[in-house]
PDB file of N, CA and C in Angstrom:
ATOM      1  N   MET A   1       2.589  -2.270  -7.661  1.00  0.00           N
ATOM      2  CA  MET A   1       3.426  -2.724  -6.574  1.00  0.00           C
ATOM      3  C   MET A   1       2.614  -3.700  -5.727  1.00  0.00           C
ATOM      4  N   PRO A   2       3.205  -4.824  -5.341  1.00  0.00           N
ATOM      5  CA  PRO A   2       2.472  -5.796  -4.533  1.00  0.00           C
ATOM      6  C   PRO A   2       2.092  -5.243  -3.167  1.00  0.00           C
ATOM      7  N   MET A   3       0.921  -5.635  -2.712  1.00  0.00           N
ATOM      8  CA  MET A   3       0.436  -5.163  -1.419  1.00  0.00           C
ATOM      9  C   MET A   3       0.551  -6.251  -0.360  1.00  0.00           C
ATOM     10  N   THR A   4       0.643  -5.814   0.870  1.00  0.00           N
ATOM     11  CA  THR A   4       0.634  -6.729   2.005  1.00  0.00           C
ATOM     12  C   THR A   4      -0.821  -7.064   2.336  1.00  0.00           C
ATOM     13  N   LYS A   5      -1.005  -8.024   3.229  1.00  0.00           N
ATOM     14  CA  LYS A   5      -2.371  -8.382   3.659  1.00  0.00           C
ATOM     15  C   LYS A   5      -3.048  -7.181   4.322  1.00  0.00           C
ATOM     16  N   LYS A   6      -2.254  -6.405   5.070  1.00  0.00           N
ATOM     17  CA  LYS A   6      -2.783  -5.209   5.732  1.00  0.00           C
ATOM     18  C   LYS A   6      -3.297  -4.224   4.683  1.00  0.00           C
ATOM     19  N   GLY A   7      -2.528  -4.040   3.613  1.00  0.00           N
ATOM     20  CA  GLY A   7      -2.930  -3.128   2.546  1.00  0.00           C
ATOM     21  C   GLY A   7      -4.193  -3.574   1.839  1.00  0.00           C
ATOM     22  N   GLN A   8      -4.298  -4.864   1.581  1.00  0.00           N
ATOM     23  CA  GLN A   8      -5.491  -5.401   0.920  1.00  0.00           C
ATOM     24  C   GLN A   8      -6.735  -5.190   1.785  1.00  0.00           C
ATOM     25  N   LYS A   9      -6.573  -5.389   3.081  1.00  0.00           N
ATOM     26  CA  LYS A   9      -7.703  -5.240   4.006  1.00  0.00           C
ATOM     27  C   LYS A   9      -8.168  -3.778   4.079  1.00  0.00           C
ATOM     28  N   ILE A  10      -7.210  -2.855   4.180  1.00  0.00           N
ATOM     29  CA  ILE A  10      -7.543  -1.431   4.259  1.00  0.00           C
ATOM     30  C   ILE A  10      -8.182  -0.953   2.960  1.00  0.00           C
ATOM     31  N   LYS A  11      -7.621  -1.380   1.826  1.00  0.00           N
ATOM     32  CA  LYS A  11      -8.148  -0.976   0.519  1.00  0.00           C
ATOM     33  C   LYS A  11      -9.584  -1.463   0.345  1.00  0.00           C
ATOM     34  N   ALA A  12      -9.861  -2.699   0.741  1.00  0.00           N
ATOM     35  CA  ALA A  12     -11.220  -3.245   0.644  1.00  0.00           C
ATOM     36  C   ALA A  12     -12.195  -2.462   1.514  1.00  0.00           C
ATOM     37  N   ALA A  13     -11.745  -2.085   2.711  1.00  0.00           N
ATOM     38  CA  ALA A  13     -12.603  -1.319   3.616  1.00  0.00           C
ATOM     39  C   ALA A  13     -12.898   0.073   3.046  1.00  0.00           C
ATOM     40  N   MET A  14     -11.897   0.687   2.433  1.00  0.00           N
ATOM     41  CA  MET A  14     -12.099   2.019   1.849  1.00  0.00           C
ATOM     42  C   MET A  14     -13.007   1.956   0.626  1.00  0.00           C
ATOM     43  N   LYS A  15     -12.876   0.895  -0.165  1.00  0.00           N
ATOM     44  CA  LYS A  15     -13.759   0.727  -1.322  1.00  0.00           C
ATOM     45  C   LYS A  15     -15.198   0.537  -0.873  1.00  0.00           C
ATOM     46  N   GLN A  16     -15.383  -0.186   0.219  1.00  0.00           N
ATOM     47  CA  GLN A  16     -16.726  -0.409   0.735  1.00  0.00           C
ATOM     48  C   GLN A  16     -17.331   0.890   1.270  1.00  0.00           C
ATOM     49  N   GLU A  17     -16.500   1.696   1.917  1.00  0.00           N
ATOM     50  CA  GLU A  17     -17.004   2.936   2.514  1.00  0.00           C
ATOM     51  C   GLU A  17     -17.230   4.038   1.489  1.00  0.00           C
ATOM     52  N   TYR A  18     -16.273   4.228   0.556  1.00  0.00           N
ATOM     53  CA  TYR A  18     -16.320   5.354  -0.371  1.00  0.00           C
ATOM     54  C   TYR A  18     -16.774   4.996  -1.777  1.00  0.00           C
ATOM     55  N   GLY A  19     -16.913   3.711  -2.087  1.00  0.00           N
ATOM     56  CA  GLY A  19     -17.226   3.289  -3.447  1.00  0.00           C
ATOM     57  C   GLY A  19     -15.938   2.845  -4.124  1.00  0.00           C
ATOM     58  N   ALA A  20     -16.060   2.157  -5.256  1.00  0.00           N
ATOM     59  CA  ALA A  20     -14.895   1.532  -5.899  1.00  0.00           C
ATOM     60  C   ALA A  20     -13.832   2.546  -6.319  1.00  0.00           C
ATOM     61  N   LYS A  21     -14.219   3.532  -7.098  1.00  0.00           N
ATOM     62  CA  LYS A  21     -13.235   4.475  -7.648  1.00  0.00           C
ATOM     63  C   LYS A  21     -12.677   5.420  -6.572  1.00  0.00           C
ATOM     64  N   LYS A  22     -13.546   6.026  -5.810  1.00  0.00           N
ATOM     65  CA  LYS A  22     -13.131   6.986  -4.783  1.00  0.00           C
ATOM     66  C   LYS A  22     -12.359   6.285  -3.663  1.00  0.00           C
ATOM     67  N   GLY A  23     -12.744   5.075  -3.312  1.00  0.00           N
ATOM     68  CA  GLY A  23     -12.046   4.317  -2.272  1.00  0.00           C
ATOM     69  C   GLY A  23     -10.607   4.029  -2.651  1.00  0.00           C
ATOM     70  N   GLU A  24     -10.398   3.680  -3.924  1.00  0.00           N
ATOM     71  CA  GLU A  24      -9.041   3.424  -4.407  1.00  0.00           C
ATOM     72  C   GLU A  24      -8.218   4.712  -4.391  1.00  0.00           C
ATOM     73  N   GLN A  25      -8.828   5.827  -4.792  1.00  0.00           N
ATOM     74  CA  GLN A  25      -8.132   7.117  -4.775  1.00  0.00           C
ATOM     75  C   GLN A  25      -7.725   7.495  -3.353  1.00  0.00           C
ATOM     76  N   VAL A  26      -8.624   7.329  -2.413  1.00  0.00           N
ATOM     77  CA  VAL A  26      -8.350   7.677  -1.015  1.00  0.00           C
ATOM     78  C   VAL A  26      -7.243   6.783  -0.458  1.00  0.00           C
ATOM     79  N   PHE A  27      -7.296   5.479  -0.784  1.00  0.00           N
ATOM     80  CA  PHE A  27      -6.289   4.541  -0.307  1.00  0.00           C
ATOM     81  C   PHE A  27      -4.889   4.939  -0.777  1.00  0.00           C
ATOM     82  N   TYR A  28      -4.726   5.150  -2.081  1.00  0.00           N
ATOM     83  CA  TYR A  28      -3.396   5.473  -2.608  1.00  0.00           C
ATOM     84  C   TYR A  28      -2.921   6.855  -2.166  1.00  0.00           C
ATOM     85  N   ALA A  29      -3.845   7.803  -2.012  1.00  0.00           N
ATOM     86  CA  ALA A  29      -3.460   9.127  -1.516  1.00  0.00           C
ATOM     87  C   ALA A  29      -2.954   9.023  -0.079  1.00  0.00           C
ATOM     88  N   SER A  30      -3.622   8.230   0.735  1.00  0.00           N
ATOM     89  CA  SER A  30      -3.207   8.040   2.126  1.00  0.00           C
ATOM     90  C   SER A  30      -1.868   7.317   2.214  1.00  0.00           C
ATOM     91  N   ALA A  31      -1.685   6.309   1.369  1.00  0.00           N
ATOM     92  CA  ALA A  31      -0.422   5.554   1.366  1.00  0.00           C
ATOM     93  C   ALA A  31       0.735   6.448   0.921  1.00  0.00           C
ATOM     94  N   ASN A  32       0.526   7.252  -0.117  1.00  0.00           N
ATOM     95  CA  ASN A  32       1.586   8.138  -0.612  1.00  0.00           C
ATOM     96  C   ASN A  32       1.926   9.235   0.386  1.00  0.00           C
ATOM     97  N   LYS A  33       0.912   9.732   1.086  1.00  0.00           N
ATOM     98  CA  LYS A  33       1.139  10.779   2.077  1.00  0.00           C
ATOM     99  C   LYS A  33       1.863  10.233   3.307  1.00  0.00           C
ATOM    100  N   GLY A  34       1.664   8.952   3.598  1.00  0.00           N
ATOM    101  CA  GLY A  34       2.291   8.350   4.766  1.00  0.00           C
ATOM    102  C   GLY A  34       1.351   8.196   5.940  1.00  0.00           C
ATOM    103  N   THR A  35       0.073   8.465   5.709  1.00  0.00           N
ATOM    104  CA  THR A  35      -0.921   8.322   6.766  1.00  0.00           C
ATOM    105  C   THR A  35      -1.049   6.862   7.185  1.00  0.00           C
ATOM    106  N   ILE A  36      -1.038   5.968   6.206  1.00  0.00           N
ATOM    107  CA  ILE A  36      -1.051   4.536   6.493  1.00  0.00           C
ATOM    108  C   ILE A  36       0.271   3.951   6.012  1.00  0.00           C
ATOM    109  N   LYS A  37       0.883   3.138   6.841  1.00  0.00           N
ATOM    110  CA  LYS A  37       2.201   2.576   6.523  1.00  0.00           C
ATOM    111  C   LYS A  37       2.128   1.056   6.482  1.00  0.00           C
ATOM    112  N   GLY A  38       3.053   0.462   5.770  1.00  0.00           N
ATOM    113  CA  GLY A  38       3.140  -0.989   5.706  1.00  0.00           C
ATOM    114  C   GLY A  38       2.111  -1.625   4.807  1.00  0.00           C
ATOM    115  N   VAL A  39       1.643  -0.885   3.796  1.00  0.00           N
ATOM    116  CA  VAL A  39       0.630  -1.436   2.901  1.00  0.00           C
ATOM    117  C   VAL A  39       1.232  -2.008   1.620  1.00  0.00           C
ATOM    118  N   HIS A  40       2.448  -1.623   1.301  1.00  0.00           N
ATOM    119  CA  HIS A  40       3.121  -2.141   0.107  1.00  0.00           C
ATOM    120  C   HIS A  40       4.284  -3.023   0.526  1.00  0.00           C
ATOM    121  N   ALA A  41       4.460  -4.123  -0.192  1.00  0.00           N
ATOM    122  CA  ALA A  41       5.566  -5.036   0.088  1.00  0.00           C
ATOM    123  C   ALA A  41       6.881  -4.361  -0.287  1.00  0.00           C
ATOM    124  N   LYS A  42       7.921  -4.636   0.469  1.00  0.00           N
ATOM    125  CA  LYS A  42       9.228  -4.050   0.193  1.00  0.00           C
ATOM    126  C   LYS A  42       9.858  -4.732  -1.009  1.00  0.00           C
ATOM    127  N   LYS A  43      10.623  -3.973  -1.791  1.00  0.00           N
ATOM    128  CA  LYS A  43      11.332  -4.535  -2.936  1.00  0.00           C
ATOM    129  C   LYS A  43      12.498  -5.378  -2.443  1.00  0.00           C
ATOM    130  N   LYS A  44      12.790  -6.445  -3.163  1.00  0.00           N
ATOM    131  CA  LYS A  44      13.905  -7.309  -2.786  1.00  0.00           C
ATOM    132  C   LYS A  44      15.012  -7.197  -3.823  1.00  0.00           C
ATOM    133  N   GLY A  45      16.251  -7.241  -3.341  1.00  0.00           N
ATOM    134  CA  GLY A  45      17.414  -7.143  -4.206  1.00  0.00           C
ATOM    135  C   GLY A  45      17.830  -8.495  -4.755  1.00  0.00           C
ATOM    136  N   ILE A  46      19.001  -8.561  -5.307  1.00  0.00           N
ATOM    137  CA  ILE A  46      19.519  -9.772  -5.932  1.00  0.00           C
ATOM    138  C   ILE A  46      19.652 -10.911  -4.926  1.00  0.00           C
ATOM    139  N   MET A  47      20.105 -10.609  -3.734  1.00  0.00           N
ATOM    140  CA  MET A  47      20.332 -11.640  -2.725  1.00  0.00           C
ATOM    141  C   MET A  47      19.067 -11.969  -1.917  1.00  0.00           C
ATOM    142  N   GLY A  48      17.923 -11.379  -2.273  1.00  0.00           N
ATOM    143  CA  GLY A  48      16.679 -11.677  -1.597  1.00  0.00           C
ATOM    144  C   GLY A  48      16.422 -10.838  -0.359  1.00  0.00           C
ATOM    145  N   ARG A  49      17.291  -9.886  -0.096  1.00  0.00           N
ATOM    146  CA  ARG A  49      17.116  -9.014   1.065  1.00  0.00           C
ATOM    147  C   ARG A  49      16.326  -7.776   0.648  1.00  0.00           C
ATOM    148  N   ALA A  50      15.627  -7.194   1.607  1.00  0.00           N
ATOM    149  CA  ALA A  50      14.867  -5.987   1.344  1.00  0.00           C
ATOM    150  C   ALA A  50      15.818  -4.824   1.079  1.00  0.00           C
ATOM    151  N   ILE A  51      15.451  -3.989   0.116  1.00  0.00           N
ATOM    152  CA  ILE A  51      16.269  -2.826  -0.242  1.00  0.00           C
ATOM    153  C   ILE A  51      15.741  -1.617   0.525  1.00  0.00           C
ATOM    154  N   ARG A  52      16.652  -0.859   1.101  1.00  0.00           N
ATOM    155  CA  ARG A  52      16.243   0.359   1.789  1.00  0.00           C
ATOM    156  C   ARG A  52      16.012   1.461   0.767  1.00  0.00           C
ATOM    157  N   ALA A  53      14.997   2.261   0.993  1.00  0.00           N
ATOM    158  CA  ALA A  53      14.682   3.372   0.084  1.00  0.00           C
ATOM    159  C   ALA A  53      15.788   4.406   0.142  1.00  0.00           C
ATOM    160  N   GLY A  54      16.138   4.958  -0.998  1.00  0.00           N
ATOM    161  CA  GLY A  54      17.146   6.011  -1.052  1.00  0.00           C
ATOM    162  C   GLY A  54      18.569   5.505  -1.191  1.00  0.00           C
ATOM    163  N   LYS A  55      18.767   4.209  -1.273  1.00  0.00           N
ATOM    164  CA  LYS A  55      20.126   3.674  -1.417  1.00  0.00           C
ATOM    165  C   LYS A  55      20.225   2.780  -2.605  1.00  0.00           C
TER     166      LYS A  55
END
């Protein structure tokens, strides 16, 4: 899934702090849990508008 600039920055910082493999694990675990928000770009529909989750 494409990441936002915010997501790229946070992921790089976590890789630097925890190491390459562990930093990536911590980043995705935090994103999935909801601790960090706005790190993945929203999916776009046919008309180019963002799709709401669950619909």
